[in-house]
C-alpha atoms as a PDB file:
ATOM      1  CA  MET A   1      93.686  75.408 136.040  1.00  0.00           C
ATOM      2  CA  ARG A   2      94.690  75.453 132.465  1.00  0.00           C
ATOM      3  CA  VAL A   3      92.386  75.921 129.323  1.00  0.00           C
ATOM      4  CA  LEU A   4      93.217  75.696 125.607  1.00  0.00           C
ATOM      5  CA  VAL A   5      91.450  78.122 123.399  1.00  0.00           C
ATOM      6  CA  ILE A   6      90.910  77.496 119.692  1.00  0.00           C
ATOM      7  CA  ASN A   7      89.439  80.070 117.232  1.00  0.00           C
ATOM      8  CA  PRO A   8      89.485  78.892 113.602  1.00  0.00           C
ATOM      9  CA  GLY A   9      89.466  81.356 110.894  1.00  0.00           C
ATOM     10  CA  ALA A  10      89.259  81.067 107.049  1.00  0.00           C
ATOM     11  CA  THR A  11      92.925  80.733 106.654  1.00  0.00           C
ATOM     12  CA  SER A  12      94.331  80.656 110.148  1.00  0.00           C
ATOM     13  CA  THR A  13      93.797  79.086 113.575  1.00  0.00           C
ATOM     14  CA  LYS A  14      94.240  81.369 116.637  1.00  0.00           C
ATOM     15  CA  VAL A  15      95.321  79.409 119.733  1.00  0.00           C
ATOM     16  CA  ALA A  16      95.816  80.476 123.276  1.00  0.00           C
ATOM     17  CA  VAL A  17      96.596  78.936 126.625  1.00  0.00           C
ATOM     18  CA  PHE A  18      95.084  80.432 129.803  1.00  0.00           C
ATOM     19  CA  GLU A  19      96.088  79.653 133.404  1.00  0.00           C
ATOM     20  CA  ASP A  20      93.833  80.578 136.126  1.00  0.00           C
ATOM     21  CA  TRP A  21      92.064  83.252 133.839  1.00  0.00           C
ATOM     22  CA  LYS A  22      95.455  84.735 132.598  1.00  0.00           C
ATOM     23  CA  GLU A  23      96.718  84.371 129.101  1.00  0.00           C
ATOM     24  CA  VAL A  24     100.222  82.735 129.093  1.00  0.00           C
ATOM     25  CA  PHE A  25     100.576  81.633 125.335  1.00  0.00           C
ATOM     26  CA  LYS A  26      99.198  82.691 122.177  1.00  0.00           C
ATOM     27  CA  LYS A  27      99.777  82.187 118.446  1.00  0.00           C
ATOM     28  CA  THR A  28      98.272  82.529 115.103  1.00  0.00           C
ATOM     29  CA  ILE A  29      98.808  79.627 112.957  1.00  0.00           C
ATOM     30  CA  ASP A  30      98.695  80.668 109.241  1.00  0.00           C
ATOM     31  CA  HIS A  31      97.486  77.993 106.768  1.00  0.00           C
ATOM     32  CA  ASP A  32      98.547  77.999 103.127  1.00  0.00           C
ATOM     33  CA  ALA A  33      95.642  79.408 100.980  1.00  0.00           C
ATOM     34  CA  ALA A  34      96.231  76.735  98.143  1.00  0.00           C
ATOM     35  CA  GLU A  35      96.055  73.995 100.836  1.00  0.00           C
ATOM     36  CA  ILE A  36      92.852  75.310 102.250  1.00  0.00           C
ATOM     37  CA  ALA A  37      91.416  75.466  98.747  1.00  0.00           C
ATOM     38  CA  LYS A  38      91.914  71.832  98.205  1.00  0.00           C
ATOM     39  CA  TYR A  39      89.003  71.058 100.431  1.00  0.00           C
ATOM     40  CA  ASN A  40      85.442  71.329  99.534  1.00  0.00           C
ATOM     41  CA  ARG A  41      83.855  71.308 102.873  1.00  0.00           C
ATOM     42  CA  VAL A  42      85.236  73.151 106.192  1.00  0.00           C
ATOM     43  CA  SER A  43      84.904  69.759 108.060  1.00  0.00           C
ATOM     44  CA  GLU A  44      87.405  68.226 105.607  1.00  0.00           C
ATOM     45  CA  GLN A  45      90.166  70.532 107.063  1.00  0.00           C
ATOM     46  CA  LEU A  46      89.879  68.914 110.474  1.00  0.00           C
ATOM     47  CA  ASP A  47      92.754  66.346 110.277  1.00  0.00           C
ATOM     48  CA  MET A  48      95.102  68.796 108.513  1.00  0.00           C
ATOM     49  CA  ARG A  49      94.390  71.630 111.103  1.00  0.00           C
ATOM     50  CA  ARG A  50      94.358  69.190 114.064  1.00  0.00           C
ATOM     51  CA  ALA A  51      97.947  67.916 113.122  1.00  0.00           C
ATOM     52  CA  VAL A  52      99.377  71.462 112.627  1.00  0.00           C
ATOM     53  CA  LEU A  53      97.763  72.518 115.890  1.00  0.00           C
ATOM     54  CA  LEU A  54      99.110  69.682 117.932  1.00  0.00           C
ATOM     55  CA  GLU A  55     102.601  70.159 116.517  1.00  0.00           C
ATOM     56  CA  GLN A  56     102.620  73.932 117.465  1.00  0.00           C
ATOM     57  CA  MET A  57     101.542  73.003 120.952  1.00  0.00           C
ATOM     58  CA  ARG A  58     104.223  70.296 121.454  1.00  0.00           C
ATOM     59  CA  GLU A  59     106.744  72.896 120.296  1.00  0.00           C
ATOM     60  CA  ALA A  60     105.482  75.238 123.113  1.00  0.00           C
ATOM     61  CA  GLY A  61     105.756  72.336 125.633  1.00  0.00           C
ATOM     62  CA  TYR A  62     101.886  71.475 125.932  1.00  0.00           C
ATOM     63  CA  SER A  63     100.336  68.203 125.498  1.00  0.00           C
ATOM     64  CA  PRO A  64      96.584  67.388 125.464  1.00  0.00           C
ATOM     65  CA  GLU A  65      96.942  66.071 129.097  1.00  0.00           C
ATOM     66  CA  SER A  66      98.324  69.399 130.409  1.00  0.00           C
ATOM     67  CA  PHE A  67      94.834  71.109 129.883  1.00  0.00           C
ATOM     68  CA  ASP A  68      91.771  70.875 132.215  1.00  0.00           C
ATOM     69  CA  ALA A  69      89.464  71.699 129.222  1.00  0.00           C
ATOM     70  CA  VAL A  70      89.510  72.798 125.628  1.00  0.00           C
ATOM     71  CA  CYS A  71      87.360  75.428 124.343  1.00  0.00           C
ATOM     72  CA  GLY A  72      86.575  76.170 120.584  1.00  0.00           C
ATOM     73  CA  ARG A  73      84.927  79.074 118.838  1.00  0.00           C
ATOM     74  CA  GLY A  74      81.316  78.124 118.399  1.00  0.00           C
ATOM     75  CA  GLY A  75      80.297  78.012 114.700  1.00  0.00           C
ATOM     76  CA  THR A  76      77.011  78.321 112.710  1.00  0.00           C
ATOM     77  CA  LEU A  77      75.080  76.054 114.944  1.00  0.00           C
ATOM     78  CA  ARG A  78      71.331  75.964 115.523  1.00  0.00           C
ATOM     79  CA  LYS A  79      69.891  78.754 117.416  1.00  0.00           C
ATOM     80  CA  LEU A  80      70.833  78.889 120.856  1.00  0.00           C
ATOM     81  CA  ALA A  81      70.646  80.963 124.111  1.00  0.00           C
ATOM     82  CA  SER A  82      73.778  82.479 125.383  1.00  0.00           C
ATOM     83  CA  GLY A  83      76.093  80.598 127.418  1.00  0.00           C
ATOM     84  CA  THR A  84      78.883  77.753 127.627  1.00  0.00           C
ATOM     85  CA  TYR A  85      77.861  74.495 125.882  1.00  0.00           C
ATOM     86  CA  ALA A  86      79.382  71.081 126.364  1.00  0.00           C
ATOM     87  CA  VAL A  87      80.350  69.634 122.960  1.00  0.00           C
ATOM     88  CA  ASN A  88      78.305  66.683 122.338  1.00  0.00           C
ATOM     89  CA  GLU A  89      77.629  64.403 119.441  1.00  0.00           C
ATOM     90  CA  ALA A  90      74.631  66.380 118.293  1.00  0.00           C
ATOM     91  CA  MET A  91      76.843  69.545 118.051  1.00  0.00           C
ATOM     92  CA  LEU A  92      79.584  67.519 116.308  1.00  0.00           C
ATOM     93  CA  ASP A  93      77.160  66.136 113.746  1.00  0.00           C
ATOM     94  CA  ASP A  94      75.851  69.678 112.939  1.00  0.00           C
ATOM     95  CA  ALA A  95      79.343  71.010 112.667  1.00  0.00           C
ATOM     96  CA  ARG A  96      80.478  68.045 110.340  1.00  0.00           C
ATOM     97  CA  THR A  97      77.573  68.481 108.123  1.00  0.00           C
ATOM     98  CA  ALA A  98      77.273  72.372 108.175  1.00  0.00           C
ATOM     99  CA  ARG A  99      73.598  71.821 108.607  1.00  0.00           C
ATOM    100  CA  HIS A 100      73.137  75.581 109.459  1.00  0.00           C
ATOM    101  CA  GLY A 101      75.596  77.110 107.168  1.00  0.00           C
ATOM    102  CA  GLU A 102      79.173  76.531 106.098  1.00  0.00           C
ATOM    103  CA  HIS A 103      81.752  78.523 108.021  1.00  0.00           C
ATOM    104  CA  ALA A 104      85.390  78.196 109.334  1.00  0.00           C
ATOM    105  CA  SER A 105      84.231  78.506 112.922  1.00  0.00           C
ATOM    106  CA  LEU A 106      82.360  75.233 112.649  1.00  0.00           C
ATOM    107  CA  LEU A 107      86.031  73.775 113.229  1.00  0.00           C
ATOM    108  CA  GLY A 108      85.946  75.121 116.678  1.00  0.00           C
ATOM    109  CA  PRO A 109      83.924  72.465 118.357  1.00  0.00           C
ATOM    110  CA  LEU A 110      85.438  69.801 116.066  1.00  0.00           C
ATOM    111  CA  LEU A 111      89.030  70.704 117.016  1.00  0.00           C
ATOM    112  CA  ALA A 112      88.125  71.200 120.708  1.00  0.00           C
ATOM    113  CA  HIS A 113      86.519  67.838 120.835  1.00  0.00           C
ATOM    114  CA  GLU A 114      89.428  65.895 119.085  1.00  0.00           C
ATOM    115  CA  ILE A 115      92.109  67.383 121.337  1.00  0.00           C
ATOM    116  CA  ALA A 116      90.271  67.143 124.612  1.00  0.00           C
ATOM    117  CA  ALA A 117      89.187  63.509 123.800  1.00  0.00           C
ATOM    118  CA  LEU A 118      92.917  62.550 123.627  1.00  0.00           C
ATOM    119  CA  ALA A 119      93.230  63.140 127.415  1.00  0.00           C
ATOM    120  CA  GLY A 120      89.669  62.445 128.416  1.00  0.00           C
ATOM    121  CA  LYS A 121      88.940  66.228 129.227  1.00  0.00           C
ATOM    122  CA  PRO A 122      85.932  68.248 128.603  1.00  0.00           C
ATOM    123  CA  ALA A 123      85.422  70.457 125.368  1.00  0.00           C
ATOM    124  CA  PHE A 124      83.255  73.533 125.280  1.00  0.00           C
ATOM    125  CA  VAL A 125      82.097  76.337 122.989  1.00  0.00           C
ATOM    126  CA  VAL A 126      80.970  79.598 124.270  1.00  0.00           C
ATOM    127  CA  ASP A 127      78.472  82.044 122.842  1.00  0.00           C
ATOM    128  CA  PRO A 128      78.499  80.776 119.339  1.00  0.00           C
ATOM    129  CA  VAL A 129      77.589  83.087 116.304  1.00  0.00           C
ATOM    130  CA  SER A 130      74.348  81.425 116.280  1.00  0.00           C
ATOM    131  CA  VAL A 131      73.019  82.791 119.733  1.00  0.00           C
ATOM    132  CA  ASP A 132      69.389  84.000 119.352  1.00  0.00           C
ATOM    133  CA  GLU A 133      67.532  85.381 122.344  1.00  0.00           C
ATOM    134  CA  MET A 134      65.269  87.787 120.437  1.00  0.00           C
ATOM    135  CA  GLN A 135      61.910  88.345 121.768  1.00  0.00           C
ATOM    136  CA  ASP A 136      59.018  87.391 119.313  1.00  0.00           C
ATOM    137  CA  VAL A 137      57.687  91.109 118.594  1.00  0.00           C
ATOM    138  CA  ALA A 138      61.280  91.950 117.378  1.00  0.00           C
ATOM    139  CA  ARG A 139      61.069  89.301 114.795  1.00  0.00           C
ATOM    140  CA  VAL A 140      58.235  90.943 112.897  1.00  0.00           C
ATOM    141  CA  SER A 141      59.656  92.786 109.737  1.00  0.00           C
ATOM    142  CA  GLY A 142      56.561  94.177 108.183  1.00  0.00           C
ATOM    143  CA  PHE A 143      56.245  91.629 105.476  1.00  0.00           C
ATOM    144  CA  LYS A 144      54.932  87.850 106.326  1.00  0.00           C
ATOM    145  CA  GLY A 145      57.370  85.274 105.518  1.00  0.00           C
ATOM    146  CA  MET A 146      60.330  87.655 105.835  1.00  0.00           C
ATOM    147  CA  GLU A 147      61.119  87.706 109.454  1.00  0.00           C
ATOM    148  CA  ARG A 148      63.992  89.551 111.081  1.00  0.00           C
ATOM    149  CA  GLN A 149      66.973  87.305 111.677  1.00  0.00           C
ATOM    150  CA  CYS A 150      69.222  87.494 114.739  1.00  0.00           C
ATOM    151  CA  GLY A 151      73.045  88.007 113.841  1.00  0.00           C
ATOM    152  CA  PHE A 152      75.632  89.779 115.948  1.00  0.00           C
ATOM    153  CA  HIS A 153      78.942  89.637 117.624  1.00  0.00           C
ATOM    154  CA  ALA A 154      77.535  87.487 120.470  1.00  0.00           C
ATOM    155  CA  LEU A 155      80.880  86.434 122.040  1.00  0.00           C
ATOM    156  CA  ASN A 156      82.108  90.108 122.385  1.00  0.00           C
ATOM    157  CA  HIS A 157      78.838  91.528 123.127  1.00  0.00           C
ATOM    158  CA  LYS A 158      78.174  89.160 126.070  1.00  0.00           C
ATOM    159  CA  SER A 159      81.817  89.409 127.302  1.00  0.00           C
ATOM    160  CA  VAL A 160      81.887  93.196 127.404  1.00  0.00           C
ATOM    161  CA  ALA A 161      78.340  93.218 128.868  1.00  0.00           C
ATOM    162  CA  ARG A 162      79.699  91.207 131.843  1.00  0.00           C
ATOM    163  CA  LYS A 163      82.675  93.630 132.317  1.00  0.00           C
ATOM    164  CA  ALA A 164      80.431  96.705 132.199  1.00  0.00           C
ATOM    165  CA  ALA A 165      78.067  94.967 134.757  1.00  0.00           C
ATOM    166  CA  ALA A 166      81.302  94.429 136.996  1.00  0.00           C
ATOM    167  CA  GLN A 167      82.074  98.216 136.715  1.00  0.00           C
ATOM    168  CA  LEU A 168      78.530  98.976 137.705  1.00  0.00           C
ATOM    169  CA  GLY A 169      78.729  96.644 140.651  1.00  0.00           C
ATOM    170  CA  LYS A 170      75.580  94.678 139.723  1.00  0.00           C
ATOM    171  CA  PRO A 171      75.097  91.289 138.033  1.00  0.00           C
ATOM    172  CA  TYR A 172      74.652  91.215 134.205  1.00  0.00           C
ATOM    173  CA  GLU A 173      71.339  89.574 134.645  1.00  0.00           C
ATOM    174  CA  GLU A 174      69.842  92.563 136.511  1.00  0.00           C
ATOM    175  CA  LEU A 175      70.874  95.258 134.116  1.00  0.00           C
ATOM    176  CA  ASP A 176      69.341  96.821 131.118  1.00  0.00           C
ATOM    177  CA  LEU A 177      72.134  97.612 128.550  1.00  0.00           C
ATOM    178  CA  VAL A 178      72.689  98.903 124.922  1.00  0.00           C
ATOM    179  CA  VAL A 179      75.866  97.416 123.724  1.00  0.00           C
ATOM    180  CA  VAL A 180      77.447  98.775 120.476  1.00  0.00           C
ATOM    181  CA  HIS A 181      79.950  96.733 118.570  1.00  0.00           C
ATOM    182  CA  MET A 182      81.734  98.813 115.995  1.00  0.00           C
ATOM    183  CA  GLY A 183      84.455  96.982 113.696  1.00  0.00           C
ATOM    184  CA  GLY A 184      84.446  95.527 110.210  1.00  0.00           C
ATOM    185  CA  GLY A 185      80.670  94.907 110.951  1.00  0.00           C
ATOM    186  CA  SER A 186      78.346  96.670 113.319  1.00  0.00           C
ATOM    187  CA  SER A 187      75.687  95.444 115.669  1.00  0.00           C
ATOM    188  CA  VAL A 188      73.851  97.453 118.125  1.00  0.00           C
ATOM    189  CA  ALA A 189      71.600  95.316 120.681  1.00  0.00           C
ATOM    190  CA  ALA A 190      69.363  95.714 123.710  1.00  0.00           C
ATOM    191  CA  HIS A 191      70.567  93.455 126.532  1.00  0.00           C
ATOM    192  CA  LYS A 192      67.570  93.156 128.975  1.00  0.00           C
ATOM    193  CA  HIS A 193      68.309  91.212 132.246  1.00  0.00           C
ATOM    194  CA  GLY A 194      71.073  89.041 130.532  1.00  0.00           C
ATOM    195  CA  ARG A 195      69.335  88.381 127.253  1.00  0.00           C
ATOM    196  CA  VAL A 196      69.622  90.132 123.862  1.00  0.00           C
ATOM    197  CA  VAL A 197      66.215  90.663 123.107  1.00  0.00           C
ATOM    198  CA  ASP A 198      66.617  92.776 119.877  1.00  0.00           C
ATOM    199  CA  VAL A 199      69.701  93.288 117.741  1.00  0.00           C
ATOM    200  CA  ASN A 200      70.448  94.876 114.249  1.00  0.00           C
ATOM    201  CA  ASN A 201      71.519  92.011 112.163  1.00  0.00           C
ATOM    202  CA  VAL A 202      75.252  92.615 111.421  1.00  0.00           C
ATOM    203  CA  ARG A 203      74.858  91.464 107.968  1.00  0.00           C
ATOM    204  CA  HIS A 204      72.109  93.632 106.649  1.00  0.00           C
ATOM    205  CA  GLU A 205      70.503  95.911 109.058  1.00  0.00           C
ATOM    206  CA  GLY A 206      71.265  99.089 111.191  1.00  0.00           C
ATOM    207  CA  ALA A 207      74.247 101.426 110.708  1.00  0.00           C
ATOM    208  CA  PHE A 208      76.690 101.002 107.894  1.00  0.00           C
ATOM    209  CA  SER A 209      80.088  99.808 108.822  1.00  0.00           C
ATOM    210  CA  MET A 210      83.424  99.607 106.913  1.00  0.00           C
ATOM    211  CA  ASP A 211      82.209  97.161 104.191  1.00  0.00           C
ATOM    212  CA  ARG A 212      78.654  96.404 104.807  1.00  0.00           C
ATOM    213  CA  GLY A 213      75.691  98.820 103.910  1.00  0.00           C
ATOM    214  CA  GLY A 214      73.429  98.220 106.946  1.00  0.00           C
ATOM    215  CA  THR A 215      69.768  99.124 106.155  1.00  0.00           C
ATOM    216  CA  LEU A 216      69.337 100.230 102.530  1.00  0.00           C
ATOM    217  CA  PRO A 217      66.582 101.789 100.714  1.00  0.00           C
ATOM    218  CA  VAL A 218      64.471  98.871  99.566  1.00  0.00           C
ATOM    219  CA  GLY A 219      63.484 100.309  96.230  1.00  0.00           C
ATOM    220  CA  LYS A 220      67.210 100.990  95.342  1.00  0.00           C
ATOM    221  CA  VAL A 221      68.141  97.489  96.149  1.00  0.00           C
ATOM    222  CA  VAL A 222      65.226  96.085  94.129  1.00  0.00           C
ATOM    223  CA  GLU A 223      66.728  98.198  91.103  1.00  0.00           C
ATOM    224  CA  LEU A 224      70.207  96.884  91.834  1.00  0.00           C
ATOM    225  CA  CYS A 225      68.789  93.244  91.638  1.00  0.00           C
ATOM    226  CA  PHE A 226      67.303  93.893  88.127  1.00  0.00           C
ATOM    227  CA  SER A 227      70.550  95.694  86.929  1.00  0.00           C
ATOM    228  CA  GLY A 228      71.942  92.789  85.220  1.00  0.00           C
ATOM    229  CA  LYS A 229      74.285  91.520  88.130  1.00  0.00           C
ATOM    230  CA  THR A 230      74.168  87.911  89.226  1.00  0.00           C
ATOM    231  CA  LYS A 231      72.934  87.003  92.659  1.00  0.00           C
ATOM    232  CA  ALA A 232      76.388  86.175  93.685  1.00  0.00           C
ATOM    233  CA  GLU A 233      77.785  89.656  92.500  1.00  0.00           C
ATOM    234  CA  ILE A 234      75.042  91.373  94.476  1.00  0.00           C
ATOM    235  CA  ASN A 235      75.693  89.339  97.616  1.00  0.00           C
ATOM    236  CA  LYS A 236      79.416  90.172  97.422  1.00  0.00           C
ATOM    237  CA  LEU A 237      78.537  93.820  96.732  1.00  0.00           C
ATOM    238  CA  LEU A 238      76.478  94.276  99.555  1.00  0.00           C
ATOM    239  CA  GLY A 239      78.150  91.966 101.963  1.00  0.00           C
ATOM    240  CA  SER A 240      81.839  93.132 101.613  1.00  0.00           C
ATOM    241  CA  ALA A 241      82.022  96.166  99.133  1.00  0.00           C
ATOM    242  CA  SER A 242      79.391  98.391 100.778  1.00  0.00           C
ATOM    243  CA  GLY A 243      79.514 100.827 103.625  1.00  0.00           C
ATOM    244  CA  VAL A 244      82.519 103.117 104.049  1.00  0.00           C
ATOM    245  CA  TYR A 245      84.411 101.182 101.381  1.00  0.00           C
ATOM    246  CA  SER A 246      81.844 101.995  98.804  1.00  0.00           C
ATOM    247  CA  TYR A 247      82.251 105.649  99.436  1.00  0.00           C
ATOM    248  CA  LEU A 248      85.895 106.055 100.242  1.00  0.00           C
ATOM    249  CA  GLY A 249      87.557 102.938  98.843  1.00  0.00           C
ATOM    250  CA  THR A 250      89.148 102.015 102.125  1.00  0.00           C
ATOM    251  CA  LYS A 251      88.376  99.499 104.779  1.00  0.00           C
ATOM    252  CA  ASP A 252      90.671 101.171 107.526  1.00  0.00           C
ATOM    253  CA  PHE A 253      88.738 103.504 109.765  1.00  0.00           C
ATOM    254  CA  ARG A 254      91.885 105.161 110.813  1.00  0.00           C
ATOM    255  CA  THR A 255      92.211 106.528 107.373  1.00  0.00           C
ATOM    256  CA  VAL A 256      88.966 107.828 107.320  1.00  0.00           C
ATOM    257  CA  GLU A 257      89.294 109.678 110.748  1.00  0.00           C
ATOM    258  CA  GLU A 258      92.735 111.105 109.752  1.00  0.00           C
ATOM    259  CA  ARG A 259      91.503 112.524 106.366  1.00  0.00           C
ATOM    260  CA  ALA A 260      88.472 113.877 108.098  1.00  0.00           C
ATOM    261  CA  ALA A 261      90.440 115.729 110.738  1.00  0.00           C
ATOM    262  CA  ALA A 262      92.757 117.087 108.031  1.00  0.00           C
ATOM    263  CA  GLY A 263      89.554 118.828 106.395  1.00  0.00           C
ATOM    264  CA  ASP A 264      88.623 116.399 103.569  1.00  0.00           C
ATOM    265  CA  ALA A 265      85.051 117.018 103.017  1.00  0.00           C
ATOM    266  CA  GLU A 266      83.885 113.669 101.713  1.00  0.00           C
ATOM    267  CA  HIS A 267      85.679 111.909 104.486  1.00  0.00           C
ATOM    268  CA  LYS A 268      84.278 114.267 107.155  1.00  0.00           C
ATOM    269  CA  LEU A 269      80.777 113.480 105.800  1.00  0.00           C
ATOM    270  CA  ILE A 270      80.994 109.745 105.969  1.00  0.00           C
ATOM    271  CA  PHE A 271      82.785 109.824 109.275  1.00  0.00           C
ATOM    272  CA  ASP A 272      79.997 112.128 110.679  1.00  0.00           C
ATOM    273  CA  ALA A 273      77.342 109.772 109.063  1.00  0.00           C
ATOM    274  CA  PHE A 274      78.827 106.783 110.788  1.00  0.00           C
ATOM    275  CA  ILE A 275      78.460 108.423 114.036  1.00  0.00           C
ATOM    276  CA  TYR A 276      74.985 109.634 113.170  1.00  0.00           C
ATOM    277  CA  GLN A 277      73.674 106.216 112.199  1.00  0.00           C
ATOM    278  CA  HIS A 278      75.138 104.508 115.225  1.00  0.00           C
ATOM    279  CA  GLY A 279      73.510 107.029 117.532  1.00  0.00           C
ATOM    280  CA  LYS A 280      70.105 106.637 115.881  1.00  0.00           C
ATOM    281  CA  ASP A 281      70.501 102.659 116.365  1.00  0.00           C
ATOM    282  CA  ILE A 282      71.415 103.403 120.145  1.00  0.00           C
ATOM    283  CA  GLY A 283      68.183 105.463 120.444  1.00  0.00           C
ATOM    284  CA  ALA A 284      66.149 102.692 118.922  1.00  0.00           C
ATOM    285  CA  MET A 285      67.418 100.025 121.190  1.00  0.00           C
ATOM    286  CA  ALA A 286      66.980 102.367 124.246  1.00  0.00           C
ATOM    287  CA  ALA A 287      63.389 102.502 123.267  1.00  0.00           C
ATOM    288  CA  VAL A 288      63.233  98.682 123.294  1.00  0.00           C
ATOM    289  CA  LEU A 289      64.295  98.976 126.821  1.00  0.00           C
ATOM    290  CA  ASP A 290      61.569 101.646 127.623  1.00  0.00           C
ATOM    291  CA  PHE A 291      64.543 104.105 128.129  1.00  0.00           C
ATOM    292  CA  ASN A 292      65.422 102.464 131.402  1.00  0.00           C
ATOM    293  CA  VAL A 293      68.877 101.820 130.439  1.00  0.00           C
ATOM    294  CA  ASP A 294      71.778 101.365 132.912  1.00  0.00           C
ATOM    295  CA  ALA A 295      74.472 101.942 130.581  1.00  0.00           C
ATOM    296  CA  ILE A 296      75.516 102.112 126.862  1.00  0.00           C
ATOM    297  CA  VAL A 297      78.640 100.074 126.230  1.00  0.00           C
ATOM    298  CA  LEU A 298      80.941 100.944 123.232  1.00  0.00           C
ATOM    299  CA  THR A 299      83.146  98.128 121.985  1.00  0.00           C
ATOM    300  CA  GLY A 300      84.870  96.692 119.039  1.00  0.00           C
ATOM    301  CA  GLY A 301      88.014  98.218 117.181  1.00  0.00           C
ATOM    302  CA  ILE A 302      86.440 101.507 116.209  1.00  0.00           C
ATOM    303  CA  ALA A 303      85.733 102.228 119.959  1.00  0.00           C
ATOM    304  CA  HIS A 304      89.229 103.113 120.192  1.00  0.00           C
ATOM    305  CA  SER A 305      88.514 106.291 118.373  1.00  0.00           C
ATOM    306  CA  LYS A 306      87.963 109.126 120.908  1.00  0.00           C
ATOM    307  CA  ALA A 307      86.341 111.239 118.204  1.00  0.00           C
ATOM    308  CA  VAL A 308      83.612 108.468 117.549  1.00  0.00           C
ATOM    309  CA  CYS A 309      83.095 107.897 121.317  1.00  0.00           C
ATOM    310  CA  ASP A 310      82.795 111.600 122.019  1.00  0.00           C
ATOM    311  CA  GLY A 311      80.366 112.101 118.912  1.00  0.00           C
ATOM    312  CA  LEU A 312      78.017 109.349 120.352  1.00  0.00           C
ATOM    313  CA  ARG A 313      78.403 110.815 123.710  1.00  0.00           C
ATOM    314  CA  ARG A 314      76.962 114.003 122.492  1.00  0.00           C
ATOM    315  CA  MET A 315      74.196 112.425 120.652  1.00  0.00           C
ATOM    316  CA  VAL A 316      72.983 109.898 123.179  1.00  0.00           C
ATOM    317  CA  GLY A 317      74.882 110.771 126.520  1.00  0.00           C
ATOM    318  CA  LYS A 318      71.619 111.835 128.059  1.00  0.00           C
ATOM    319  CA  ILE A 319      70.074 108.481 127.823  1.00  0.00           C
ATOM    320  CA  ALA A 320      72.571 106.673 130.087  1.00  0.00           C
ATOM    321  CA  PRO A 321      76.191 106.630 131.364  1.00  0.00           C
ATOM    322  CA  ILE A 322      78.654 105.485 128.588  1.00  0.00           C
ATOM    323  CA  ILE A 323      81.262 102.937 129.205  1.00  0.00           C
ATOM    324  CA  VAL A 324      83.985 102.486 126.551  1.00  0.00           C
ATOM    325  CA  LEU A 325      85.411  98.897 126.404  1.00  0.00           C
ATOM    326  CA  PRO A 326      87.353  98.965 123.033  1.00  0.00           C
ATOM    327  CA  GLY A 327      88.792  96.066 121.113  1.00  0.00           C
ATOM    328  CA  GLU A 328      87.505  92.553 120.900  1.00  0.00           C
ATOM    329  CA  GLU A 329      88.984  89.900 123.211  1.00  0.00           C
ATOM    330  CA  GLU A 330      87.467  86.805 121.744  1.00  0.00           C
ATOM    331  CA  MET A 331      90.081  84.418 123.054  1.00  0.00           C
ATOM    332  CA  LEU A 332      89.750  85.791 126.667  1.00  0.00           C
ATOM    333  CA  ALA A 333      85.921  85.563 126.246  1.00  0.00           C
ATOM    334  CA  LEU A 334      86.160  81.905 125.236  1.00  0.00           C
ATOM    335  CA  ALA A 335      88.508  81.040 128.167  1.00  0.00           C
ATOM    336  CA  GLU A 336      86.396  83.015 130.597  1.00  0.00           C
ATOM    337  CA  GLY A 337      83.368  80.978 129.483  1.00  0.00           C
ATOM    338  CA  ALA A 338      85.183  77.788 130.088  1.00  0.00           C
ATOM    339  CA  PHE A 339      86.538  78.873 133.554  1.00  0.00           C
ATOM    340  CA  ARG A 340      83.089  79.867 134.712  1.00  0.00           C
ATOM    341  CA  VAL A 341      82.057  76.293 134.174  1.00  0.00           C
ATOM    342  CA  LEU A 342      85.272  74.589 135.669  1.00  0.00           C
ATOM    343  CA  CYS A 343      85.124  76.972 138.749  1.00  0.00           C
ATOM    344  CA  GLY A 344      81.417  76.088 139.438  1.00  0.00           C
ATOM    345  CA  GLN A 345      80.056  79.540 138.649  1.00  0.00           C
ATOM    346  CA  ALA A 346      77.999  78.367 135.900  1.00  0.00           C
ATOM    347  CA  GLU A 347      76.832  74.966 134.403  1.00  0.00           C
ATOM    348  CA  ALA A 348      77.475  73.891 130.938  1.00  0.00           C
ATOM    349  CA  SER A 349      74.440  73.964 128.872  1.00  0.00           C
ATOM    350  CA  LYS A 350      73.303  70.976 126.660  1.00  0.00           C
ATOM    351  CA  TYR A 351      73.355  71.337 122.934  1.00  0.00           C
END
């Protein structure tokens, strides 16, 4: 069986071909920023991206008819449980209208549908960014009308959780795990019997990351809002210029680690604080699971750092065994979701 995987980004489209669960082709198609800027809506880029994608696939020797299915990155769709979803008209309508938020990933189901339809093959999305399985008690924030929102690296969380389950020799649906994604953003989640029942929202909760502040002192945030800055300026500041970047002026964690190891006091403090805050979050999510934790799973690009993993092991290693699965294999995770349906291991959910 052969599956085409499509992962659209702001100015690029990643594509890969998998045959019997193994990657046999991959390419990142870069789009001219000036060309992208011509479009007011993400959905307006569909014809341009489809034409470029089909041309690239033809050059690589693939046609739409050569695939058994096409799988796209799920975008900002409505709230969903985890799983593989068959692309249908309701999903396409939400993607075209960006009803739940404008984002380049909305092109995932649109492109998958367009290419699969040329050959009459099924189109899927897997674990979209809108996955929301939080339990009701976790939504309570402390201020009525300001409920906690789910937002995390669903695709990678679910993928590494299944890999950890395989290492433990049990089905994912029978385990309680704390999964920690550490990258440009951080998300720490409690996985209870196959569902993410609580998670620190990657945009504005939990430990700080490379350019996001995580949970910040509310009083100071209020002061910032009345400091003369516009709403757009504050959103940009908190969303992409906070965290490590605000302290050290870099978004490369390797630089932070190197300078900390070389004896730079400021870099050492922020490096230690990064570990400290993630350790606190792990402890909180372990409490959500009544401290009946089968494993703590560390993933994301920063999980490549032995020093970070060792630091977390010292802090929380007594809670449960730690499994390190570094990096983020989004393309593989998408393909695996499609193959599970094609092989009869799972059924495609209806959107």
